[in-house]
PDB file of all heavy atoms in Angstrom:
ATOM      1  N   TYR A   1     -26.516   8.953  -9.583  1.00  0.00           N
ATOM      2  CA  TYR A   1     -25.971   8.537  -8.287  1.00  0.00           C
ATOM      3  C   TYR A   1     -25.170   7.250  -8.417  1.00  0.00           C
ATOM      4  O   TYR A   1     -24.133   7.089  -7.783  1.00  0.00           O
ATOM      5  CB  TYR A   1     -27.087   8.378  -7.244  1.00  0.00           C
ATOM      6  CG  TYR A   1     -27.418   9.676  -6.553  1.00  0.00           C
ATOM      7  CD1 TYR A   1     -28.588  10.372  -6.867  1.00  0.00           C
ATOM      8  CD2 TYR A   1     -26.561  10.225  -5.611  1.00  0.00           C
ATOM      9  CE1 TYR A   1     -28.885  11.578  -6.235  1.00  0.00           C
ATOM     10  CE2 TYR A   1     -26.856  11.419  -4.975  1.00  0.00           C
ATOM     11  CZ  TYR A   1     -28.021  12.092  -5.302  1.00  0.00           C
ATOM     12  OH  TYR A   1     -28.297  13.272  -4.678  1.00  0.00           O
ATOM     13  N   LYS A   2     -25.651   6.337  -9.245  1.00  0.00           N
ATOM     14  CA  LYS A   2     -24.903   5.085  -9.469  1.00  0.00           C
ATOM     15  C   LYS A   2     -23.525   5.390 -10.037  1.00  0.00           C
ATOM     16  O   LYS A   2     -22.526   4.799  -9.627  1.00  0.00           O
ATOM     17  CB  LYS A   2     -25.667   4.161 -10.425  1.00  0.00           C
ATOM     18  CG  LYS A   2     -26.824   3.424  -9.787  1.00  0.00           C
ATOM     19  CD  LYS A   2     -27.525   2.559 -10.820  1.00  0.00           C
ATOM     20  CE  LYS A   2     -28.798   1.940 -10.258  1.00  0.00           C
ATOM     21  NZ  LYS A   2     -29.550   1.206 -11.283  1.00  0.00           N
ATOM     22  N   GLU A   3     -23.497   6.319 -11.004  1.00  0.00           N
ATOM     23  CA  GLU A   3     -22.210   6.685 -11.614  1.00  0.00           C
ATOM     24  C   GLU A   3     -21.293   7.348 -10.588  1.00  0.00           C
ATOM     25  O   GLU A   3     -20.091   7.064 -10.541  1.00  0.00           O
ATOM     26  CB  GLU A   3     -22.444   7.603 -12.813  1.00  0.00           C
ATOM     27  CG  GLU A   3     -23.038   6.878 -14.016  1.00  0.00           C
ATOM     28  CD  GLU A   3     -23.502   7.823 -15.119  1.00  0.00           C
ATOM     29  OE1 GLU A   3     -23.260   9.050 -15.011  1.00  0.00           O
ATOM     30  OE2 GLU A   3     -24.106   7.325 -16.085  1.00  0.00           O
ATOM     31  N   GLN A   4     -21.866   8.242  -9.751  1.00  0.00           N
ATOM     32  CA  GLN A   4     -21.063   8.885  -8.708  1.00  0.00           C
ATOM     33  C   GLN A   4     -20.510   7.854  -7.733  1.00  0.00           C
ATOM     34  O   GLN A   4     -19.333   7.893  -7.365  1.00  0.00           O
ATOM     35  CB  GLN A   4     -21.909   9.895  -7.926  1.00  0.00           C
ATOM     36  CG  GLN A   4     -22.203  11.169  -8.674  1.00  0.00           C
ATOM     37  CD  GLN A   4     -23.091  12.104  -7.866  1.00  0.00           C
ATOM     38  OE1 GLN A   4     -23.240  11.955  -6.668  1.00  0.00           O
ATOM     39  NE2 GLN A   4     -23.689  13.082  -8.537  1.00  0.00           N
ATOM     40  N   ILE A   5     -21.378   6.933  -7.335  1.00  0.00           N
ATOM     41  CA  ILE A   5     -20.962   5.886  -6.394  1.00  0.00           C
ATOM     42  C   ILE A   5     -19.881   5.022  -7.022  1.00  0.00           C
ATOM     43  O   ILE A   5     -18.884   4.695  -6.385  1.00  0.00           O
ATOM     44  CB  ILE A   5     -22.177   5.036  -5.949  1.00  0.00           C
ATOM     45  CG1 ILE A   5     -23.103   5.880  -5.066  1.00  0.00           C
ATOM     46  CG2 ILE A   5     -21.729   3.782  -5.215  1.00  0.00           C
ATOM     47  CD1 ILE A   5     -24.466   5.265  -4.834  1.00  0.00           C
ATOM     48  N   GLN A   6     -20.084   4.657  -8.312  1.00  0.00           N
ATOM     49  CA  GLN A   6     -19.094   3.812  -9.004  1.00  0.00           C
ATOM     50  C   GLN A   6     -17.757   4.533  -9.130  1.00  0.00           C
ATOM     51  O   GLN A   6     -16.697   3.947  -8.909  1.00  0.00           O
ATOM     52  CB  GLN A   6     -19.623   3.409 -10.386  1.00  0.00           C
ATOM     53  CG  GLN A   6     -18.793   2.351 -11.077  1.00  0.00           C
ATOM     54  CD  GLN A   6     -18.703   1.059 -10.294  1.00  0.00           C
ATOM     55  OE1 GLN A   6     -19.711   0.539  -9.840  1.00  0.00           O
ATOM     56  NE2 GLN A   6     -17.513   0.535 -10.112  1.00  0.00           N
ATOM     57  N   THR A   7     -17.816   5.838  -9.465  1.00  0.00           N
ATOM     58  CA  THR A   7     -16.583   6.631  -9.578  1.00  0.00           C
ATOM     59  C   THR A   7     -15.857   6.682  -8.243  1.00  0.00           C
ATOM     60  O   THR A   7     -14.642   6.461  -8.163  1.00  0.00           O
ATOM     61  CB  THR A   7     -16.907   8.064 -10.051  1.00  0.00           C
ATOM     62  OG1 THR A   7     -17.575   7.985 -11.301  1.00  0.00           O
ATOM     63  CG2 THR A   7     -15.650   8.896 -10.186  1.00  0.00           C
ATOM     64  N   ARG A   8     -16.631   6.957  -7.184  1.00  0.00           N
ATOM     65  CA  ARG A   8     -16.030   7.016  -5.839  1.00  0.00           C
ATOM     66  C   ARG A   8     -15.472   5.659  -5.436  1.00  0.00           C
ATOM     67  O   ARG A   8     -14.389   5.576  -4.853  1.00  0.00           O
ATOM     68  CB  ARG A   8     -17.089   7.490  -4.830  1.00  0.00           C
ATOM     69  CG  ARG A   8     -16.577   7.644  -3.427  1.00  0.00           C
ATOM     70  CD  ARG A   8     -15.574   8.780  -3.317  1.00  0.00           C
ATOM     71  NE  ARG A   8     -15.046   8.856  -1.969  1.00  0.00           N
ATOM     72  CZ  ARG A   8     -13.790   9.012  -1.675  1.00  0.00           C
ATOM     73  NH1 ARG A   8     -12.887   9.147  -2.617  1.00  0.00           N
ATOM     74  NH2 ARG A   8     -13.391   9.059  -0.421  1.00  0.00           N
ATOM     75  N   LEU A   9     -16.219   4.601  -5.772  1.00  0.00           N
ATOM     76  CA  LEU A   9     -15.771   3.243  -5.456  1.00  0.00           C
ATOM     77  C   LEU A   9     -14.463   2.926  -6.183  1.00  0.00           C
ATOM     78  O   LEU A   9     -13.531   2.374  -5.585  1.00  0.00           O
ATOM     79  CB  LEU A   9     -16.861   2.238  -5.844  1.00  0.00           C
ATOM     80  CG  LEU A   9     -16.636   0.788  -5.457  1.00  0.00           C
ATOM     81  CD1 LEU A   9     -16.570   0.633  -3.944  1.00  0.00           C
ATOM     82  CD2 LEU A   9     -17.729  -0.093  -6.009  1.00  0.00           C
ATOM     83  N   ASN A  10     -14.389   3.308  -7.460  1.00  0.00           N
ATOM     84  CA  ASN A  10     -13.156   3.076  -8.229  1.00  0.00           C
ATOM     85  C   ASN A  10     -11.988   3.844  -7.627  1.00  0.00           C
ATOM     86  O   ASN A  10     -10.875   3.322  -7.528  1.00  0.00           O
ATOM     87  CB  ASN A  10     -13.351   3.472  -9.693  1.00  0.00           C
ATOM     88  CG  ASN A  10     -14.289   2.533 -10.428  1.00  0.00           C
ATOM     89  OD1 ASN A  10     -14.505   1.400  -9.995  1.00  0.00           O
ATOM     90  ND2 ASN A  10     -14.857   2.988 -11.519  1.00  0.00           N
ATOM     91  N   THR A  11     -12.261   5.103  -7.217  1.00  0.00           N
ATOM     92  CA  THR A  11     -11.214   5.907  -6.584  1.00  0.00           C
ATOM     93  C   THR A  11     -10.743   5.257  -5.295  1.00  0.00           C
ATOM     94  O   THR A  11      -9.540   5.156  -5.031  1.00  0.00           O
ATOM     95  CB  THR A  11     -11.745   7.332  -6.287  1.00  0.00           C
ATOM     96  OG1 THR A  11     -12.222   7.903  -7.499  1.00  0.00           O
ATOM     97  CG2 THR A  11     -10.666   8.208  -5.707  1.00  0.00           C
ATOM     98  N   LEU A  12     -11.704   4.798  -4.484  1.00  0.00           N
ATOM     99  CA  LEU A  12     -11.355   4.145  -3.214  1.00  0.00           C
ATOM    100  C   LEU A  12     -10.576   2.863  -3.446  1.00  0.00           C
ATOM    101  O   LEU A  12      -9.624   2.562  -2.718  1.00  0.00           O
ATOM    102  CB  LEU A  12     -12.621   3.857  -2.397  1.00  0.00           C
ATOM    103  CG  LEU A  12     -13.312   5.084  -1.798  1.00  0.00           C
ATOM    104  CD1 LEU A  12     -14.663   4.700  -1.211  1.00  0.00           C
ATOM    105  CD2 LEU A  12     -12.438   5.732  -0.741  1.00  0.00           C
ATOM    106  N   LYS A  13     -10.968   2.105  -4.467  1.00  0.00           N
ATOM    107  CA  LYS A  13     -10.235   0.862  -4.785  1.00  0.00           C
ATOM    108  C   LYS A  13      -8.797   1.181  -5.183  1.00  0.00           C
ATOM    109  O   LYS A  13      -7.856   0.506  -4.758  1.00  0.00           O
ATOM    110  CB  LYS A  13     -10.933   0.099  -5.924  1.00  0.00           C
ATOM    111  CG  LYS A  13     -12.151  -0.675  -5.485  1.00  0.00           C
ATOM    112  CD  LYS A  13     -12.765  -1.415  -6.660  1.00  0.00           C
ATOM    113  CE  LYS A  13     -13.987  -2.199  -6.231  1.00  0.00           C
ATOM    114  NZ  LYS A  13     -14.657  -2.843  -7.373  1.00  0.00           N
ATOM    115  N   LYS A  14      -8.656   2.231  -6.015  1.00  0.00           N
ATOM    116  CA  LYS A  14      -7.313   2.634  -6.449  1.00  0.00           C
ATOM    117  C   LYS A  14      -6.477   3.082  -5.245  1.00  0.00           C
ATOM    118  O   LYS A  14      -5.315   2.689  -5.107  1.00  0.00           O
ATOM    119  CB  LYS A  14      -7.424   3.764  -7.478  1.00  0.00           C
ATOM    120  CG  LYS A  14      -6.105   4.142  -8.112  1.00  0.00           C
ATOM    121  CD  LYS A  14      -6.295   5.222  -9.159  1.00  0.00           C
ATOM    122  CE  LYS A  14      -4.954   5.639  -9.725  1.00  0.00           C
ATOM    123  NZ  LYS A  14      -5.072   6.741 -10.677  1.00  0.00           N
ATOM    124  N   GLU A  15      -7.099   3.904  -4.367  1.00  0.00           N
ATOM    125  CA  GLU A  15      -6.387   4.360  -3.168  1.00  0.00           C
ATOM    126  C   GLU A  15      -6.012   3.178  -2.287  1.00  0.00           C
ATOM    127  O   GLU A  15      -4.915   3.132  -1.728  1.00  0.00           O
ATOM    128  CB  GLU A  15      -7.274   5.333  -2.374  1.00  0.00           C
ATOM    129  CG  GLU A  15      -7.396   6.700  -3.022  1.00  0.00           C
ATOM    130  CD  GLU A  15      -8.385   7.607  -2.284  1.00  0.00           C
ATOM    131  OE1 GLU A  15      -8.904   7.202  -1.234  1.00  0.00           O
ATOM    132  OE2 GLU A  15      -8.644   8.712  -2.783  1.00  0.00           O
ATOM    133  N   ARG A  16      -6.918   2.208  -2.180  1.00  0.00           N
ATOM    134  CA  ARG A  16      -6.649   1.016  -1.355  1.00  0.00           C
ATOM    135  C   ARG A  16      -5.468   0.237  -1.925  1.00  0.00           C
ATOM    136  O   ARG A  16      -4.576  -0.197  -1.194  1.00  0.00           O
ATOM    137  CB  ARG A  16      -7.896   0.136  -1.296  1.00  0.00           C
ATOM    138  CG  ARG A  16      -7.741  -1.079  -0.406  1.00  0.00           C
ATOM    139  CD  ARG A  16      -9.057  -1.855  -0.325  1.00  0.00           C
ATOM    140  NE  ARG A  16      -8.932  -2.985   0.569  1.00  0.00           N
ATOM    141  CZ  ARG A  16      -8.564  -4.190   0.184  1.00  0.00           C
ATOM    142  NH1 ARG A  16      -8.274  -4.429  -1.081  1.00  0.00           N
ATOM    143  NH2 ARG A  16      -8.476  -5.185   1.057  1.00  0.00           N
ATOM    144  N   GLU A  17      -5.453   0.069  -3.269  1.00  0.00           N
ATOM    145  CA  GLU A  17      -4.342  -0.637  -3.907  1.00  0.00           C
ATOM    146  C   GLU A  17      -3.026   0.091  -3.671  1.00  0.00           C
ATOM    147  O   GLU A  17      -1.993  -0.539  -3.386  1.00  0.00           O
ATOM    148  CB  GLU A  17      -4.610  -0.788  -5.408  1.00  0.00           C
ATOM    149  CG  GLU A  17      -5.665  -1.835  -5.736  1.00  0.00           C
ATOM    150  CD  GLU A  17      -6.076  -1.820  -7.201  1.00  0.00           C
ATOM    151  OE1 GLU A  17      -5.398  -1.139  -8.011  1.00  0.00           O
ATOM    152  OE2 GLU A  17      -7.068  -2.488  -7.530  1.00  0.00           O
ATOM    153  N   GLU A  18      -3.066   1.435  -3.796  1.00  0.00           N
ATOM    154  CA  GLU A  18      -1.849   2.223  -3.557  1.00  0.00           C
ATOM    155  C   GLU A  18      -1.382   2.084  -2.115  1.00  0.00           C
ATOM    156  O   GLU A  18      -0.189   1.946  -1.845  1.00  0.00           O
ATOM    157  CB  GLU A  18      -2.104   3.701  -3.880  1.00  0.00           C
ATOM    158  CG  GLU A  18      -2.229   3.984  -5.371  1.00  0.00           C
ATOM    159  CD  GLU A  18      -2.676   5.407  -5.672  1.00  0.00           C
ATOM    160  OE1 GLU A  18      -2.918   6.190  -4.728  1.00  0.00           O
ATOM    161  OE2 GLU A  18      -2.806   5.734  -6.876  1.00  0.00           O
ATOM    162  N   LEU A  19      -2.347   2.110  -1.171  1.00  0.00           N
ATOM    163  CA  LEU A  19      -1.992   1.952   0.241  1.00  0.00           C
ATOM    164  C   LEU A  19      -1.419   0.563   0.516  1.00  0.00           C
ATOM    165  O   LEU A  19      -0.451   0.420   1.264  1.00  0.00           O
ATOM    166  CB  LEU A  19      -3.218   2.194   1.129  1.00  0.00           C
ATOM    167  CG  LEU A  19      -3.645   3.656   1.268  1.00  0.00           C
ATOM    168  CD1 LEU A  19      -4.989   3.754   1.981  1.00  0.00           C
ATOM    169  CD2 LEU A  19      -2.608   4.459   2.026  1.00  0.00           C
ATOM    170  N   LEU A  20      -2.015  -0.464  -0.101  1.00  0.00           N
ATOM    171  CA  LEU A  20      -1.499  -1.825   0.080  1.00  0.00           C
ATOM    172  C   LEU A  20      -0.083  -1.946  -0.494  1.00  0.00           C
ATOM    173  O   LEU A  20       0.787  -2.583   0.108  1.00  0.00           O
ATOM    174  CB  LEU A  20      -2.429  -2.851  -0.580  1.00  0.00           C
ATOM    175  CG  LEU A  20      -3.740  -3.130   0.162  1.00  0.00           C
ATOM    176  CD1 LEU A  20      -4.651  -4.019  -0.675  1.00  0.00           C
ATOM    177  CD2 LEU A  20      -3.486  -3.780   1.516  1.00  0.00           C
ATOM    178  N   GLU A  21       0.119  -1.310  -1.664  1.00  0.00           N
ATOM    179  CA  GLU A  21       1.459  -1.303  -2.267  1.00  0.00           C
ATOM    180  C   GLU A  21       2.452  -0.611  -1.349  1.00  0.00           C
ATOM    181  O   GLU A  21       3.560  -1.100  -1.109  1.00  0.00           O
ATOM    182  CB  GLU A  21       1.408  -0.547  -3.611  1.00  0.00           C
ATOM    183  CG  GLU A  21       1.706  -1.424  -4.808  1.00  0.00           C
ATOM    184  CD  GLU A  21       1.628  -0.620  -6.088  1.00  0.00           C
ATOM    185  OE1 GLU A  21       2.536   0.190  -6.356  1.00  0.00           O
ATOM    186  OE2 GLU A  21       0.651  -0.814  -6.829  1.00  0.00           O
ATOM    187  N   TRP A  22       2.035   0.550  -0.830  1.00  0.00           N
ATOM    188  CA  TRP A  22       2.880   1.320   0.081  1.00  0.00           C
ATOM    189  C   TRP A  22       3.192   0.503   1.324  1.00  0.00           C
ATOM    190  O   TRP A  22       4.314   0.494   1.811  1.00  0.00           O
ATOM    191  CB  TRP A  22       2.164   2.619   0.433  1.00  0.00           C
ATOM    192  CG  TRP A  22       2.942   3.528   1.313  1.00  0.00           C
ATOM    193  CD1 TRP A  22       3.995   4.322   0.972  1.00  0.00           C
ATOM    194  CD2 TRP A  22       2.743   3.732   2.718  1.00  0.00           C
ATOM    195  NE1 TRP A  22       4.452   5.011   2.071  1.00  0.00           N
ATOM    196  CE2 TRP A  22       3.702   4.662   3.161  1.00  0.00           C
ATOM    197  CE3 TRP A  22       1.838   3.214   3.639  1.00  0.00           C
ATOM    198  CZ2 TRP A  22       3.783   5.083   4.484  1.00  0.00           C
ATOM    199  CZ3 TRP A  22       1.919   3.642   4.961  1.00  0.00           C
ATOM    200  CH2 TRP A  22       2.882   4.563   5.362  1.00  0.00           C
ATOM    201  N   LYS A  23       2.173  -0.200   1.837  1.00  0.00           N
ATOM    202  CA  LYS A  23       2.357  -1.033   3.029  1.00  0.00           C
ATOM    203  C   LYS A  23       3.355  -2.153   2.736  1.00  0.00           C
ATOM    204  O   LYS A  23       4.256  -2.420   3.538  1.00  0.00           O
ATOM    205  CB  LYS A  23       1.003  -1.619   3.453  1.00  0.00           C
ATOM    206  CG  LYS A  23       1.067  -2.503   4.677  1.00  0.00           C
ATOM    207  CD  LYS A  23      -0.285  -3.140   4.947  1.00  0.00           C
ATOM    208  CE  LYS A  23      -0.167  -4.185   6.033  1.00  0.00           C
ATOM    209  NZ  LYS A  23      -1.373  -5.005   6.145  1.00  0.00           N
ATOM    210  N   GLN A  24       3.198  -2.810   1.559  1.00  0.00           N
ATOM    211  CA  GLN A  24       4.124  -3.885   1.195  1.00  0.00           C
ATOM    212  C   GLN A  24       5.548  -3.357   1.037  1.00  0.00           C
ATOM    213  O   GLN A  24       6.507  -4.001   1.479  1.00  0.00           O
ATOM    214  CB  GLN A  24       3.665  -4.563  -0.097  1.00  0.00           C
ATOM    215  CG  GLN A  24       2.440  -5.439   0.089  1.00  0.00           C
ATOM    216  CD  GLN A  24       1.900  -5.980  -1.228  1.00  0.00           C
ATOM    217  OE1 GLN A  24       2.266  -5.502  -2.304  1.00  0.00           O
ATOM    218  NE2 GLN A  24       1.018  -6.957  -1.147  1.00  0.00           N
ATOM    219  N   ASP A  25       5.673  -2.175   0.390  1.00  0.00           N
ATOM    220  CA  ASP A  25       7.004  -1.573   0.243  1.00  0.00           C
ATOM    221  C   ASP A  25       7.609  -1.274   1.611  1.00  0.00           C
ATOM    222  O   ASP A  25       8.793  -1.510   1.848  1.00  0.00           O
ATOM    223  CB  ASP A  25       6.924  -0.280  -0.581  1.00  0.00           C
ATOM    224  CG  ASP A  25       6.649  -0.547  -2.056  1.00  0.00           C
ATOM    225  OD1 ASP A  25       6.773  -1.717  -2.471  1.00  0.00           O
ATOM    226  OD2 ASP A  25       6.294   0.403  -2.779  1.00  0.00           O
ATOM    227  N   GLY A  26       6.773  -0.735   2.508  1.00  0.00           N
ATOM    228  CA  GLY A  26       7.236  -0.421   3.863  1.00  0.00           C
ATOM    229  C   GLY A  26       7.679  -1.665   4.600  1.00  0.00           C
ATOM    230  O   GLY A  26       8.717  -1.671   5.272  1.00  0.00           O
ATOM    231  N   GLU A  27       6.883  -2.758   4.461  1.00  0.00           N
ATOM    232  CA  GLU A  27       7.252  -4.017   5.127  1.00  0.00           C
ATOM    233  C   GLU A  27       8.548  -4.574   4.547  1.00  0.00           C
ATOM    234  O   GLU A  27       9.405  -5.067   5.290  1.00  0.00           O
ATOM    235  CB  GLU A  27       6.116  -5.033   4.973  1.00  0.00           C
ATOM    236  CG  GLU A  27       4.917  -4.727   5.851  1.00  0.00           C
ATOM    237  CD  GLU A  27       3.735  -5.636   5.584  1.00  0.00           C
ATOM    238  OE1 GLU A  27       3.808  -6.442   4.622  1.00  0.00           O
ATOM    239  OE2 GLU A  27       2.741  -5.546   6.322  1.00  0.00           O
ATOM    240  N   LYS A  28       8.682  -4.469   3.210  1.00  0.00           N
ATOM    241  CA  LYS A  28       9.906  -4.953   2.554  1.00  0.00           C
ATOM    242  C   LYS A  28      11.116  -4.156   3.039  1.00  0.00           C
ATOM    243  O   LYS A  28      12.164  -4.722   3.363  1.00  0.00           O
ATOM    244  CB  LYS A  28       9.748  -4.827   1.035  1.00  0.00           C
ATOM    245  CG  LYS A  28      10.889  -5.405   0.237  1.00  0.00           C
ATOM    246  CD  LYS A  28      10.648  -5.235  -1.251  1.00  0.00           C
ATOM    247  CE  LYS A  28      11.835  -5.711  -2.067  1.00  0.00           C
ATOM    248  NZ  LYS A  28      11.652  -5.454  -3.506  1.00  0.00           N
ATOM    249  N   GLN A  29      10.944  -2.832   3.109  1.00  0.00           N
ATOM    250  CA  GLN A  29      12.027  -1.967   3.568  1.00  0.00           C
ATOM    251  C   GLN A  29      12.377  -2.275   5.021  1.00  0.00           C
ATOM    252  O   GLN A  29      13.550  -2.325   5.395  1.00  0.00           O
ATOM    253  CB  GLN A  29      11.603  -0.509   3.414  1.00  0.00           C
ATOM    254  CG  GLN A  29      12.755   0.441   3.235  1.00  0.00           C
ATOM    255  CD  GLN A  29      12.280   1.817   2.835  1.00  0.00           C
ATOM    256  OE1 GLN A  29      11.163   2.223   3.136  1.00  0.00           O
ATOM    257  NE2 GLN A  29      13.130   2.563   2.148  1.00  0.00           N
ATOM    258  N   SER A  30      11.336  -2.504   5.841  1.00  0.00           N
ATOM    259  CA  SER A  30      11.573  -2.851   7.243  1.00  0.00           C
ATOM    260  C   SER A  30      12.373  -4.133   7.356  1.00  0.00           C
ATOM    261  O   SER A  30      13.292  -4.235   8.171  1.00  0.00           O
ATOM    262  CB  SER A  30      10.241  -3.016   7.978  1.00  0.00           C
ATOM    263  OG  SER A  30       9.573  -1.789   8.054  1.00  0.00           O
ATOM    264  N   GLN A  31      12.012  -5.129   6.526  1.00  0.00           N
ATOM    265  CA  GLN A  31      12.735  -6.402   6.538  1.00  0.00           C
ATOM    266  C   GLN A  31      14.200  -6.192   6.133  1.00  0.00           C
ATOM    267  O   GLN A  31      15.098  -6.795   6.714  1.00  0.00           O
ATOM    268  CB  GLN A  31      12.063  -7.417   5.595  1.00  0.00           C
ATOM    269  CG  GLN A  31      10.726  -7.929   6.099  1.00  0.00           C
ATOM    270  CD  GLN A  31      10.851  -8.643   7.425  1.00  0.00           C
ATOM    271  OE1 GLN A  31      11.799  -9.361   7.690  1.00  0.00           O
ATOM    272  NE2 GLN A  31       9.871  -8.410   8.294  1.00  0.00           N
ATOM    273  N   GLU A  32      14.409  -5.332   5.123  1.00  0.00           N
ATOM    274  CA  GLU A  32      15.785  -5.047   4.692  1.00  0.00           C
ATOM    275  C   GLU A  32      16.576  -4.404   5.833  1.00  0.00           C
ATOM    276  O   GLU A  32      17.716  -4.773   6.102  1.00  0.00           O
ATOM    277  CB  GLU A  32      15.778  -4.119   3.466  1.00  0.00           C
ATOM    278  CG  GLU A  32      15.347  -4.801   2.188  1.00  0.00           C
ATOM    279  CD  GLU A  32      15.234  -3.836   1.025  1.00  0.00           C
ATOM    280  OE1 GLU A  32      15.616  -2.650   1.167  1.00  0.00           O
ATOM    281  OE2 GLU A  32      14.758  -4.261  -0.042  1.00  0.00           O
ATOM    282  N   TYR A  33      15.943  -3.423   6.494  1.00  0.00           N
ATOM    283  CA  TYR A  33      16.605  -2.751   7.618  1.00  0.00           C
ATOM    284  C   TYR A  33      16.899  -3.734   8.739  1.00  0.00           C
ATOM    285  O   TYR A  33      17.974  -3.704   9.332  1.00  0.00           O
ATOM    286  CB  TYR A  33      15.758  -1.601   8.137  1.00  0.00           C
ATOM    287  CG  TYR A  33      15.738  -0.388   7.225  1.00  0.00           C
ATOM    288  CD1 TYR A  33      14.583   0.382   7.084  1.00  0.00           C
ATOM    289  CD2 TYR A  33      16.859  -0.007   6.499  1.00  0.00           C
ATOM    290  CE1 TYR A  33      14.556   1.492   6.244  1.00  0.00           C
ATOM    291  CE2 TYR A  33      16.837   1.091   5.671  1.00  0.00           C
ATOM    292  CZ  TYR A  33      15.682   1.837   5.545  1.00  0.00           C
ATOM    293  OH  TYR A  33      15.664   2.937   4.720  1.00  0.00           O
ATOM    294  N   LEU A  34      15.925  -4.607   9.025  1.00  0.00           N
ATOM    295  CA  LEU A  34      16.131  -5.604  10.080  1.00  0.00           C
ATOM    296  C   LEU A  34      17.284  -6.536   9.719  1.00  0.00           C
ATOM    297  O   LEU A  34      18.093  -6.900  10.575  1.00  0.00           O
ATOM    298  CB  LEU A  34      14.847  -6.412  10.299  1.00  0.00           C
ATOM    299  CG  LEU A  34      13.710  -5.674  11.029  1.00  0.00           C
ATOM    300  CD1 LEU A  34      12.450  -6.508  11.024  1.00  0.00           C
ATOM    301  CD2 LEU A  34      14.104  -5.325  12.455  1.00  0.00           C
ATOM    302  N   GLY A  35      17.368  -6.897   8.423  1.00  0.00           N
ATOM    303  CA  GLY A  35      18.480  -7.738   7.960  1.00  0.00           C
ATOM    304  C   GLY A  35      19.817  -7.032   8.129  1.00  0.00           C
ATOM    305  O   GLY A  35      20.800  -7.635   8.580  1.00  0.00           O
ATOM    306  N   LYS A  36      19.851  -5.741   7.769  1.00  0.00           N
ATOM    307  CA  LYS A  36      21.096  -4.967   7.922  1.00  0.00           C
ATOM    308  C   LYS A  36      21.484  -4.837   9.397  1.00  0.00           C
ATOM    309  O   LYS A  36      22.658  -4.946   9.751  1.00  0.00           O
ATOM    310  CB  LYS A  36      20.922  -3.575   7.303  1.00  0.00           C
ATOM    311  CG  LYS A  36      20.899  -3.586   5.782  1.00  0.00           C
ATOM    312  CD  LYS A  36      20.677  -2.198   5.237  1.00  0.00           C
ATOM    313  CE  LYS A  36      20.620  -2.220   3.704  1.00  0.00           C
ATOM    314  NZ  LYS A  36      20.320  -0.915   3.142  1.00  0.00           N
ATOM    315  N   ILE A  37      20.481  -4.598  10.239  1.00  0.00           N
ATOM    316  CA  ILE A  37      20.747  -4.476  11.678  1.00  0.00           C
ATOM    317  C   ILE A  37      21.303  -5.788  12.230  1.00  0.00           C
ATOM    318  O   ILE A  37      22.259  -5.792  13.007  1.00  0.00           O
ATOM    319  CB  ILE A  37      19.460  -4.060  12.430  1.00  0.00           C
ATOM    320  CG1 ILE A  37      19.140  -2.592  12.112  1.00  0.00           C
ATOM    321  CG2 ILE A  37      19.601  -4.258  13.933  1.00  0.00           C
ATOM    322  CD1 ILE A  37      17.769  -2.150  12.555  1.00  0.00           C
ATOM    323  N   GLU A  38      20.713  -6.903  11.797  1.00  0.00           N
ATOM    324  CA  GLU A  38      21.176  -8.211  12.278  1.00  0.00           C
ATOM    325  C   GLU A  38      22.606  -8.477  11.814  1.00  0.00           C
ATOM    326  O   GLU A  38      23.446  -8.969  12.581  1.00  0.00           O
ATOM    327  CB  GLU A  38      20.236  -9.312  11.776  1.00  0.00           C
ATOM    328  CG  GLU A  38      20.581 -10.703  12.238  1.00  0.00           C
ATOM    329  CD  GLU A  38      20.608 -10.872  13.747  1.00  0.00           C
ATOM    330  OE1 GLU A  38      19.915 -10.118  14.472  1.00  0.00           O
ATOM    331  OE2 GLU A  38      21.339 -11.771  14.212  1.00  0.00           O
ATOM    332  N   ALA A  39      22.907  -8.127  10.546  1.00  0.00           N
ATOM    333  CA  ALA A  39      24.264  -8.312  10.023  1.00  0.00           C
ATOM    334  C   ALA A  39      25.255  -7.453  10.804  1.00  0.00           C
ATOM    335  O   ALA A  39      26.351  -7.908  11.155  1.00  0.00           O
ATOM    336  CB  ALA A  39      24.305  -7.956   8.533  1.00  0.00           C
ATOM    337  N   GLU A  40      24.863  -6.204  11.098  1.00  0.00           N
ATOM    338  CA  GLU A  40      25.737  -5.303  11.848  1.00  0.00           C
ATOM    339  C   GLU A  40      25.958  -5.837  13.274  1.00  0.00           C
ATOM    340  O   GLU A  40      27.058  -5.770  13.817  1.00  0.00           O
ATOM    341  CB  GLU A  40      25.107  -3.905  11.891  1.00  0.00           C
ATOM    342  CG  GLU A  40      26.039  -2.800  12.295  1.00  0.00           C
ATOM    343  CD  GLU A  40      27.207  -2.592  11.329  1.00  0.00           C
ATOM    344  OE1 GLU A  40      27.068  -2.859  10.129  1.00  0.00           O
ATOM    345  OE2 GLU A  40      28.279  -2.178  11.821  1.00  0.00           O
TER     346      GLU A  40
END
């Protein structure tokens, strides 16, 4: 059970990191779009 929990925990940590990366990319893209909109 410890191994199962650790495996699941590692998977969740990896998914969390991917989601945080995705969120940061989305925020960066939003900022770029906002910059383009302001320039336009």
